[in-house]
Amino acid sequence: MNQADPLPSPFRIIPLARLAKGGRWRTEAMRSYGAPVLYWFTRGQGRITIAGQTAGYGPHNAVFVPAGCMHGFEMSSQVHGLIIVFPAGSEERIDLPDTPLHLRLREAEQHLELTKLLENLQNELDSGAPEAETAMLCHAGLLAVWLRRQVNELEEEAEVAPRSSAARLAAAFTALVEEDFHTGKSVRDYARELGVTPTHLSRVCNKACGRPASAILADRVHYEARRLLTETHMPIKDIAAALGFASPAYFTRAFHNHTGVTPSQFRRGG
C-alpha cells in the first residue's frame, strides 16, 4: 500500500509543532501512515477525525491510530504534544491495538504513567547504546499494555458505546478510500460497493465528521498529491497517473481547485 506516508527509522518521537511546519495540510488533510502512531496532546484543543468520525480533543488526550487508518486533526499554534511513531509491522510483536483509540486521561496518575513510559522510550532512542532497538521494543510493549489497560477500564465503566450503523458505514467508506483512492474511483463507485446510494453515503459522512463523502475522497487524494510533490522527484504527469487522473491537465485543474495553486507552484513552494 504505497499510499501510506513513509516514516523512516524504527522509532520516532516528534513534537507536533515540527510535524506542522510543512503546512497545515500535514496534519489537517486526511492521510494515513505506514506505521502505527500515538498522538499525545498536552496543551490546546481542536477536532480530530479518525476513520470517518470527528470528535473534540484537548489537553491530556492520547489518540492511537493503527497503520493505514485515515485521519486528520486541527492544529493551531496553541496545540502542543508529541507523535510517537512505532516501527512498521510492529503491531503483532508488541500487541498494539488494531482499532483506533481516543483516551481522555482525567487523572494526574494517568498523565504521569504515560509521561514516564514515553521518557523511557525517548531515553533509549537518544542513547545509541548497544541493544537500544531491543530495549525500545520492550518499552513499546509496556506502552501497548498500558493502552489496553486504559481501554479495559473504560469498558468496565461502560464509557465505550457500541458504534452506530452510521458510524460503521463512515468507517467502512474511509477504509475503502484508503485502499483505492489512487484508482480514480468516484463516490458513486464506493457507494455501490457499500450497497448504499451516494446521497445516503454523503449524508452519513456529513453527520459523522462534518464533511461529505466527496470532500473526504478529494482530501485524501490531494494529501497524497502534495506529499508526492514535496517528498519525491516524480514528474507531475507520473503523479497524475499514480493517483488515477485521466490526464495531467485534469490533475492540474483538480489540484488548483483544491489548493489554490498548480502542482508546479506547490512543488516550488508557491
C-alpha atoms as a PDB file:
ATOM      1  CA  MET A   1       0.000   0.000   0.000  1.00  0.00           C
ATOM      2  CA  ASN A   2       2.242   2.820  -1.237  1.00  0.00           C
ATOM      3  CA  GLN A   3      -0.263   5.492  -0.321  1.00  0.00           C
ATOM      4  CA  ALA A   4       0.820   5.467   3.321  1.00  0.00           C
ATOM      5  CA  ASP A   5       3.404   8.021   4.380  1.00  0.00           C
ATOM      6  CA  PRO A   6       6.929   6.621   4.532  1.00  0.00           C
ATOM      7  CA  LEU A   7       8.222   7.218   8.038  1.00  0.00           C
ATOM      8  CA  PRO A   8      11.937   6.364   8.212  1.00  0.00           C
ATOM      9  CA  SER A   9      13.701   4.936  11.281  1.00  0.00           C
ATOM     10  CA  PRO A  10      12.277   2.200  13.511  1.00  0.00           C
ATOM     11  CA  PHE A  11      11.028   4.556  16.241  1.00  0.00           C
ATOM     12  CA  ARG A  12      10.410   8.290  16.158  1.00  0.00           C
ATOM     13  CA  ILE A  13       9.173  10.746  18.773  1.00  0.00           C
ATOM     14  CA  ILE A  14       8.330  14.062  17.113  1.00  0.00           C
ATOM     15  CA  PRO A  15       6.977  17.304  18.583  1.00  0.00           C
ATOM     16  CA  LEU A  16       3.627  18.083  16.977  1.00  0.00           C
ATOM     17  CA  ALA A  17       4.831  21.595  16.165  1.00  0.00           C
ATOM     18  CA  ARG A  18       7.552  20.127  13.950  1.00  0.00           C
ATOM     19  CA  LEU A  19       5.045  17.931  12.151  1.00  0.00           C
ATOM     20  CA  ALA A  20       3.017  21.008  11.226  1.00  0.00           C
ATOM     21  CA  LYS A  21       5.951  23.077   9.941  1.00  0.00           C
ATOM     22  CA  GLY A  22       5.407  21.899   6.376  1.00  0.00           C
ATOM     23  CA  GLY A  23       1.911  23.421   6.311  1.00  0.00           C
ATOM     24  CA  ARG A  24      -1.487  22.806   7.864  1.00  0.00           C
ATOM     25  CA  TRP A  25      -2.180  20.095   5.301  1.00  0.00           C
ATOM     26  CA  ARG A  26       0.444  17.964   7.078  1.00  0.00           C
ATOM     27  CA  THR A  27      -1.941  17.473   9.994  1.00  0.00           C
ATOM     28  CA  GLU A  28      -5.407  18.524   8.821  1.00  0.00           C
ATOM     29  CA  ALA A  29      -5.741  16.671   5.496  1.00  0.00           C
ATOM     30  CA  MET A  30      -6.961  13.093   5.538  1.00  0.00           C
ATOM     31  CA  ARG A  31      -3.968  10.776   5.411  1.00  0.00           C
ATOM     32  CA  SER A  32      -2.615   7.534   6.805  1.00  0.00           C
ATOM     33  CA  TYR A  33       0.809   6.352   7.859  1.00  0.00           C
ATOM     34  CA  GLY A  34       2.505   3.073   7.087  1.00  0.00           C
ATOM     35  CA  ALA A  35       3.164   2.537  10.806  1.00  0.00           C
ATOM     36  CA  PRO A  36       1.085   2.806  13.999  1.00  0.00           C
ATOM     37  CA  VAL A  37       1.212   6.199  15.722  1.00  0.00           C
ATOM     38  CA  LEU A  38       0.247   7.592  19.115  1.00  0.00           C
ATOM     39  CA  TYR A  39      -0.635  11.271  19.491  1.00  0.00           C
ATOM     40  CA  TRP A  40      -0.175  12.735  22.962  1.00  0.00           C
ATOM     41  CA  PHE A  41      -1.816  16.162  23.218  1.00  0.00           C
ATOM     42  CA  THR A  42      -0.522  18.096  26.229  1.00  0.00           C
ATOM     43  CA  ARG A  43      -1.897  21.571  25.507  1.00  0.00           C
ATOM     44  CA  GLY A  44      -4.516  23.186  23.284  1.00  0.00           C
ATOM     45  CA  GLN A  45      -7.641  21.796  21.729  1.00  0.00           C
ATOM     46  CA  GLY A  46      -9.261  21.099  18.398  1.00  0.00           C
ATOM     47  CA  ARG A  47     -11.102  18.446  16.430  1.00  0.00           C
ATOM     48  CA  ILE A  48      -9.728  15.147  15.224  1.00  0.00           C
ATOM     49  CA  THR A  49     -11.218  12.836  12.598  1.00  0.00           C
ATOM     50  CA  ILE A  50     -10.349   9.131  12.636  1.00  0.00           C
ATOM     51  CA  ALA A  51     -11.936   6.518  10.375  1.00  0.00           C
ATOM     52  CA  GLY A  52     -14.751   8.878   9.441  1.00  0.00           C
ATOM     53  CA  GLN A  53     -15.595  10.008  12.987  1.00  0.00           C
ATOM     54  CA  THR A  54     -14.899  13.520  14.276  1.00  0.00           C
ATOM     55  CA  ALA A  55     -14.547  14.377  17.957  1.00  0.00           C
ATOM     56  CA  GLY A  56     -13.000  17.123  20.032  1.00  0.00           C
ATOM     57  CA  TYR A  57      -9.612  16.702  21.679  1.00  0.00           C
ATOM     58  CA  GLY A  58      -7.937  18.662  24.452  1.00  0.00           C
ATOM     59  CA  PRO A  59      -5.048  18.526  26.902  1.00  0.00           C
ATOM     60  CA  HIS A  60      -4.111  15.088  28.194  1.00  0.00           C
ATOM     61  CA  ASN A  61      -5.761  13.250  25.314  1.00  0.00           C
ATOM     62  CA  ALA A  62      -3.929  10.201  23.929  1.00  0.00           C
ATOM     63  CA  VAL A  63      -5.009   9.063  20.477  1.00  0.00           C
ATOM     64  CA  PHE A  64      -3.731   5.804  18.994  1.00  0.00           C
ATOM     65  CA  VAL A  65      -4.067   5.313  15.234  1.00  0.00           C
ATOM     66  CA  PRO A  66      -3.240   1.929  13.643  1.00  0.00           C
ATOM     67  CA  ALA A  67      -1.197   1.755  10.457  1.00  0.00           C
ATOM     68  CA  GLY A  68      -3.212   2.517   7.346  1.00  0.00           C
ATOM     69  CA  CYS A  69      -6.048   4.234   9.237  1.00  0.00           C
ATOM     70  CA  MET A  70      -7.190   7.510   7.662  1.00  0.00           C
ATOM     71  CA  HIS A  71      -7.172  10.501   9.993  1.00  0.00           C
ATOM     72  CA  GLY A  72      -6.531  14.225  10.302  1.00  0.00           C
ATOM     73  CA  PHE A  73      -6.771  16.877  13.008  1.00  0.00           C
ATOM     74  CA  GLU A  74      -6.920  20.619  13.537  1.00  0.00           C
ATOM     75  CA  MET A  75      -3.583  22.034  14.632  1.00  0.00           C
ATOM     76  CA  SER A  76      -3.388  25.606  15.948  1.00  0.00           C
ATOM     77  CA  SER A  77      -0.301  27.317  17.359  1.00  0.00           C
ATOM     78  CA  GLN A  78      -1.679  26.661  20.859  1.00  0.00           C
ATOM     79  CA  VAL A  79      -1.577  22.878  20.395  1.00  0.00           C
ATOM     80  CA  HIS A  80       1.434  21.077  21.859  1.00  0.00           C
ATOM     81  CA  GLY A  81       2.304  17.442  22.242  1.00  0.00           C
ATOM     82  CA  LEU A  82       4.087  14.529  20.645  1.00  0.00           C
ATOM     83  CA  ILE A  83       3.603  11.952  17.947  1.00  0.00           C
ATOM     84  CA  ILE A  84       5.128   8.565  18.677  1.00  0.00           C
ATOM     85  CA  VAL A  85       5.805   6.533  15.540  1.00  0.00           C
ATOM     86  CA  PHE A  86       6.152   2.796  16.092  1.00  0.00           C
ATOM     87  CA  PRO A  87       8.107   0.527  13.744  1.00  0.00           C
ATOM     88  CA  ALA A  88       6.135  -0.511  10.678  1.00  0.00           C
ATOM     89  CA  GLY A  89       4.813  -4.030  11.176  1.00  0.00           C
ATOM     90  CA  SER A  90       5.286  -3.921  14.954  1.00  0.00           C
ATOM     91  CA  GLU A  91       1.610  -4.441  15.778  1.00  0.00           C
ATOM     92  CA  GLU A  92       1.903  -8.171  16.398  1.00  0.00           C
ATOM     93  CA  ARG A  93       5.352  -8.078  18.010  1.00  0.00           C
ATOM     94  CA  ILE A  94       4.242  -5.733  20.764  1.00  0.00           C
ATOM     95  CA  ASP A  95       0.486  -6.449  20.606  1.00  0.00           C
ATOM     96  CA  LEU A  96      -0.682  -2.937  19.807  1.00  0.00           C
ATOM     97  CA  PRO A  97      -4.430  -2.318  19.451  1.00  0.00           C
ATOM     98  CA  ASP A  98      -5.840  -2.979  15.991  1.00  0.00           C
ATOM     99  CA  THR A  99      -8.515  -0.274  16.228  1.00  0.00           C
ATOM    100  CA  PRO A 100      -8.255   3.484  16.886  1.00  0.00           C
ATOM    101  CA  LEU A 101      -8.361   4.660  20.497  1.00  0.00           C
ATOM    102  CA  HIS A 102      -9.160   8.099  21.888  1.00  0.00           C
ATOM    103  CA  LEU A 103      -8.337   8.273  25.591  1.00  0.00           C
ATOM    104  CA  ARG A 104      -9.243  11.318  27.655  1.00  0.00           C
ATOM    105  CA  LEU A 105      -6.956  10.968  30.663  1.00  0.00           C
ATOM    106  CA  ARG A 106      -8.598  12.697  33.614  1.00  0.00           C
ATOM    107  CA  GLU A 107      -6.346  11.542  36.443  1.00  0.00           C
ATOM    108  CA  ALA A 108      -2.914  13.010  37.191  1.00  0.00           C
ATOM    109  CA  GLU A 109      -1.643   9.485  37.814  1.00  0.00           C
ATOM    110  CA  GLN A 110      -2.510   8.543  34.222  1.00  0.00           C
ATOM    111  CA  HIS A 111      -0.603  11.561  32.891  1.00  0.00           C
ATOM    112  CA  LEU A 112       2.462  10.619  34.933  1.00  0.00           C
ATOM    113  CA  GLU A 113       2.334   6.987  33.846  1.00  0.00           C
ATOM    114  CA  LEU A 114       2.206   7.856  30.154  1.00  0.00           C
ATOM    115  CA  THR A 115       4.876  10.543  30.505  1.00  0.00           C
ATOM    116  CA  LYS A 116       7.230   8.066  32.197  1.00  0.00           C
ATOM    117  CA  LEU A 117       6.655   5.436  29.506  1.00  0.00           C
ATOM    118  CA  LEU A 118       7.458   7.973  26.798  1.00  0.00           C
ATOM    119  CA  GLU A 119      10.528   9.247  28.654  1.00  0.00           C
ATOM    120  CA  ASN A 120      11.899   5.699  28.855  1.00  0.00           C
ATOM    121  CA  LEU A 121      11.359   5.247  25.138  1.00  0.00           C
ATOM    122  CA  GLN A 122      12.986   8.618  24.381  1.00  0.00           C
ATOM    123  CA  ASN A 123      15.991   7.832  26.583  1.00  0.00           C
ATOM    124  CA  GLU A 124      16.694   4.628  24.671  1.00  0.00           C
ATOM    125  CA  LEU A 125      16.130   6.409  21.372  1.00  0.00           C
ATOM    126  CA  ASP A 126      18.715   9.047  22.344  1.00  0.00           C
ATOM    127  CA  SER A 127      21.240   6.660  23.886  1.00  0.00           C
ATOM    128  CA  GLY A 128      22.558   4.924  20.791  1.00  0.00           C
ATOM    129  CA  ALA A 129      23.578   2.140  23.144  1.00  0.00           C
ATOM    130  CA  PRO A 130      24.004  -1.473  22.049  1.00  0.00           C
ATOM    131  CA  GLU A 131      20.681  -3.325  22.001  1.00  0.00           C
ATOM    132  CA  ALA A 132      18.816   0.003  22.130  1.00  0.00           C
ATOM    133  CA  GLU A 133      16.397  -1.245  19.479  1.00  0.00           C
ATOM    134  CA  THR A 134      15.551  -4.285  21.582  1.00  0.00           C
ATOM    135  CA  ALA A 135      15.082  -2.095  24.649  1.00  0.00           C
ATOM    136  CA  MET A 136      12.794   0.248  22.722  1.00  0.00           C
ATOM    137  CA  LEU A 137      10.627  -2.671  21.646  1.00  0.00           C
ATOM    138  CA  CYS A 138      10.344  -3.689  25.292  1.00  0.00           C
ATOM    139  CA  HIS A 139       9.318  -0.177  26.328  1.00  0.00           C
ATOM    140  CA  ALA A 140       6.863  -0.036  23.433  1.00  0.00           C
ATOM    141  CA  GLY A 141       5.424  -3.330  24.643  1.00  0.00           C
ATOM    142  CA  LEU A 142       4.848  -1.782  28.063  1.00  0.00           C
ATOM    143  CA  LEU A 143       3.185   1.170  26.353  1.00  0.00           C
ATOM    144  CA  ALA A 144       0.902  -1.232  24.464  1.00  0.00           C
ATOM    145  CA  VAL A 145      -0.026  -2.915  27.761  1.00  0.00           C
ATOM    146  CA  TRP A 146      -0.794   0.495  29.264  1.00  0.00           C
ATOM    147  CA  LEU A 147      -3.072   1.361  26.329  1.00  0.00           C
ATOM    148  CA  ARG A 148      -5.009  -1.882  26.648  1.00  0.00           C
ATOM    149  CA  ARG A 149      -5.444  -1.372  30.385  1.00  0.00           C
ATOM    150  CA  GLN A 150      -6.918   2.098  29.815  1.00  0.00           C
ATOM    151  CA  VAL A 151      -9.389   0.637  27.331  1.00  0.00           C
ATOM    152  CA  ASN A 152     -10.329  -2.159  29.746  1.00  0.00           C
ATOM    153  CA  GLU A 153     -11.032   0.381  32.469  1.00  0.00           C
ATOM    154  CA  LEU A 154     -13.243   2.407  30.129  1.00  0.00           C
ATOM    155  CA  GLU A 155     -15.174  -0.691  29.126  1.00  0.00           C
ATOM    156  CA  GLU A 156     -15.694  -1.634  32.755  1.00  0.00           C
ATOM    157  CA  GLU A 157     -17.121   1.850  33.385  1.00  0.00           C
ATOM    158  CA  ALA A 158     -19.408   1.430  30.345  1.00  0.00           C
ATOM    159  CA  GLU A 159     -17.900   4.513  28.704  1.00  0.00           C
ATOM    160  CA  VAL A 160     -17.222   2.786  25.399  1.00  0.00           C
ATOM    161  CA  ALA A 161     -20.511   2.813  23.491  1.00  0.00           C
ATOM    162  CA  PRO A 162     -21.156   0.459  20.578  1.00  0.00           C
ATOM    163  CA  ARG A 163     -20.833   2.035  17.151  1.00  0.00           C
ATOM    164  CA  SER A 164     -23.999   3.063  15.369  1.00  0.00           C
ATOM    165  CA  SER A 165     -24.761   1.804  11.873  1.00  0.00           C
ATOM    166  CA  ALA A 166     -23.934   5.279  10.519  1.00  0.00           C
ATOM    167  CA  ALA A 167     -20.554   5.237  12.233  1.00  0.00           C
ATOM    168  CA  ARG A 168     -19.822   1.781  10.852  1.00  0.00           C
ATOM    169  CA  LEU A 169     -20.706   2.935   7.336  1.00  0.00           C
ATOM    170  CA  ALA A 170     -18.485   6.028   7.591  1.00  0.00           C
ATOM    171  CA  ALA A 171     -15.625   3.858   8.845  1.00  0.00           C
ATOM    172  CA  ALA A 172     -16.153   1.337   6.042  1.00  0.00           C
ATOM    173  CA  PHE A 173     -16.118   4.147   3.475  1.00  0.00           C
ATOM    174  CA  THR A 174     -12.860   5.628   4.754  1.00  0.00           C
ATOM    175  CA  ALA A 175     -11.263   2.174   4.833  1.00  0.00           C
ATOM    176  CA  LEU A 176     -12.228   1.619   1.189  1.00  0.00           C
ATOM    177  CA  VAL A 177     -10.952   5.066   0.242  1.00  0.00           C
ATOM    178  CA  GLU A 178      -7.640   4.277   1.911  1.00  0.00           C
ATOM    179  CA  GLU A 179      -7.338   1.152  -0.208  1.00  0.00           C
ATOM    180  CA  ASP A 180      -8.468   2.586  -3.537  1.00  0.00           C
ATOM    181  CA  PHE A 181      -8.115   6.390  -3.612  1.00  0.00           C
ATOM    182  CA  HIS A 182      -5.344   6.106  -6.196  1.00  0.00           C
ATOM    183  CA  THR A 183      -7.606   4.271  -8.688  1.00  0.00           C
ATOM    184  CA  GLY A 184      -9.783   7.194  -9.758  1.00  0.00           C
ATOM    185  CA  LYS A 185     -12.954   5.662  -8.285  1.00  0.00           C
ATOM    186  CA  SER A 186     -15.826   8.082  -7.653  1.00  0.00           C
ATOM    187  CA  VAL A 187     -18.096   8.395  -4.630  1.00  0.00           C
ATOM    188  CA  ARG A 188     -20.743   6.644  -6.702  1.00  0.00           C
ATOM    189  CA  ASP A 189     -18.375   3.671  -7.120  1.00  0.00           C
ATOM    190  CA  TYR A 190     -17.724   3.487  -3.383  1.00  0.00           C
ATOM    191  CA  ALA A 191     -21.425   3.795  -2.567  1.00  0.00           C
ATOM    192  CA  ARG A 192     -22.242   0.959  -4.953  1.00  0.00           C
ATOM    193  CA  GLU A 193     -19.603  -1.224  -3.293  1.00  0.00           C
ATOM    194  CA  LEU A 194     -21.083  -0.442   0.130  1.00  0.00           C
ATOM    195  CA  GLY A 195     -24.642  -1.113  -1.041  1.00  0.00           C
ATOM    196  CA  VAL A 196     -25.995   2.395  -0.443  1.00  0.00           C
ATOM    197  CA  THR A 197     -26.824   5.425  -2.564  1.00  0.00           C
ATOM    198  CA  PRO A 198     -24.275   8.243  -2.967  1.00  0.00           C
ATOM    199  CA  THR A 199     -26.738  10.598  -1.297  1.00  0.00           C
ATOM    200  CA  HIS A 200     -27.064   8.384   1.767  1.00  0.00           C
ATOM    201  CA  LEU A 201     -23.297   7.908   1.980  1.00  0.00           C
ATOM    202  CA  SER A 202     -22.684  11.655   1.889  1.00  0.00           C
ATOM    203  CA  ARG A 203     -25.414  12.270   4.459  1.00  0.00           C
ATOM    204  CA  VAL A 204     -23.805   9.748   6.814  1.00  0.00           C
ATOM    205  CA  CYS A 205     -20.329  11.229   6.328  1.00  0.00           C
ATOM    206  CA  ASN A 206     -21.666  14.718   6.966  1.00  0.00           C
ATOM    207  CA  LYS A 207     -23.239  13.553  10.205  1.00  0.00           C
ATOM    208  CA  ALA A 208     -20.152  11.607  11.333  1.00  0.00           C
ATOM    209  CA  CYS A 209     -17.397  14.081  10.510  1.00  0.00           C
ATOM    210  CA  GLY A 210     -18.937  17.249   9.129  1.00  0.00           C
ATOM    211  CA  ARG A 211     -17.954  16.790   5.503  1.00  0.00           C
ATOM    212  CA  PRO A 212     -19.500  14.962   2.543  1.00  0.00           C
ATOM    213  CA  ALA A 213     -18.055  11.794   1.100  1.00  0.00           C
ATOM    214  CA  SER A 214     -16.728  13.691  -1.924  1.00  0.00           C
ATOM    215  CA  ALA A 215     -14.701  16.014   0.325  1.00  0.00           C
ATOM    216  CA  ILE A 216     -13.186  13.092   2.242  1.00  0.00           C
ATOM    217  CA  LEU A 217     -12.150  11.409  -1.008  1.00  0.00           C
ATOM    218  CA  ALA A 218     -10.734  14.596  -2.517  1.00  0.00           C
ATOM    219  CA  ASP A 219      -8.876  15.446   0.688  1.00  0.00           C
ATOM    220  CA  ARG A 220      -7.170  12.037   0.736  1.00  0.00           C
ATOM    221  CA  VAL A 221      -6.200  12.215  -2.949  1.00  0.00           C
ATOM    222  CA  HIS A 222      -4.776  15.705  -2.671  1.00  0.00           C
ATOM    223  CA  TYR A 223      -2.881  14.964   0.530  1.00  0.00           C
ATOM    224  CA  GLU A 224      -1.100  12.219  -1.365  1.00  0.00           C
ATOM    225  CA  ALA A 225      -0.524  14.540  -4.314  1.00  0.00           C
ATOM    226  CA  ARG A 226       1.086  17.150  -2.056  1.00  0.00           C
ATOM    227  CA  ARG A 227       3.176  14.509  -0.328  1.00  0.00           C
ATOM    228  CA  LEU A 228       4.497  13.197  -3.635  1.00  0.00           C
ATOM    229  CA  LEU A 229       5.183  16.716  -4.867  1.00  0.00           C
ATOM    230  CA  THR A 230       7.195  17.616  -1.772  1.00  0.00           C
ATOM    231  CA  GLU A 231       8.871  14.317  -0.900  1.00  0.00           C
ATOM    232  CA  THR A 232       9.687  12.807  -4.295  1.00  0.00           C
ATOM    233  CA  HIS A 233      11.045  13.874  -7.672  1.00  0.00           C
ATOM    234  CA  MET A 234       8.285  12.107  -9.607  1.00  0.00           C
ATOM    235  CA  PRO A 235       7.261  14.022 -12.732  1.00  0.00           C
ATOM    236  CA  ILE A 236       3.854  15.633 -12.376  1.00  0.00           C
ATOM    237  CA  LYS A 237       2.456  13.524 -15.203  1.00  0.00           C
ATOM    238  CA  ASP A 238       3.503  10.374 -13.309  1.00  0.00           C
ATOM    239  CA  ILE A 239       1.869  11.636 -10.097  1.00  0.00           C
ATOM    240  CA  ALA A 240      -1.327  12.270 -12.038  1.00  0.00           C
ATOM    241  CA  ALA A 241      -1.268   8.720 -13.406  1.00  0.00           C
ATOM    242  CA  ALA A 242      -0.427   7.223  -9.986  1.00  0.00           C
ATOM    243  CA  LEU A 243      -3.476   8.912  -8.476  1.00  0.00           C
ATOM    244  CA  GLY A 244      -5.902   7.776 -11.164  1.00  0.00           C
ATOM    245  CA  PHE A 245      -6.351  11.051 -13.041  1.00  0.00           C
ATOM    246  CA  ALA A 246      -7.268  10.737 -16.706  1.00  0.00           C
ATOM    247  CA  SER A 247      -4.623  13.251 -17.769  1.00  0.00           C
ATOM    248  CA  PRO A 248      -2.009  15.623 -16.299  1.00  0.00           C
ATOM    249  CA  ALA A 249      -4.201  18.560 -17.361  1.00  0.00           C
ATOM    250  CA  TYR A 250      -7.168  17.204 -15.400  1.00  0.00           C
ATOM    251  CA  PHE A 251      -4.913  16.630 -12.384  1.00  0.00           C
ATOM    252  CA  THR A 252      -3.614  20.205 -12.586  1.00  0.00           C
ATOM    253  CA  ARG A 253      -7.144  21.642 -12.714  1.00  0.00           C
ATOM    254  CA  ALA A 254      -8.332  19.480  -9.807  1.00  0.00           C
ATOM    255  CA  PHE A 255      -5.247  20.276  -7.717  1.00  0.00           C
ATOM    256  CA  HIS A 256      -5.633  24.006  -8.349  1.00  0.00           C
ATOM    257  CA  ASN A 257      -9.313  23.890  -7.403  1.00  0.00           C
ATOM    258  CA  HIS A 258      -8.474  22.081  -4.164  1.00  0.00           C
ATOM    259  CA  THR A 259      -5.351  24.004  -3.075  1.00  0.00           C
ATOM    260  CA  GLY A 260      -5.430  27.317  -4.947  1.00  0.00           C
ATOM    261  CA  VAL A 261      -2.100  26.661  -6.692  1.00  0.00           C
ATOM    262  CA  THR A 262      -0.923  24.430  -9.518  1.00  0.00           C
ATOM    263  CA  PRO A 263       1.179  21.324  -8.823  1.00  0.00           C
ATOM    264  CA  SER A 264       4.256  23.088 -10.220  1.00  0.00           C
ATOM    265  CA  GLN A 265       3.714  26.096  -7.968  1.00  0.00           C
ATOM    266  CA  PHE A 266       3.184  23.884  -4.950  1.00  0.00           C
ATOM    267  CA  ARG A 267       6.395  21.971  -5.670  1.00  0.00           C
ATOM    268  CA  ARG A 268       8.315  25.237  -5.909  1.00  0.00           C
ATOM    269  CA  GLY A 269       6.871  26.324  -2.584  1.00  0.00           C
ATOM    270  CA  GLY A 270       4.455  28.827  -4.075  1.00  0.00           C
END
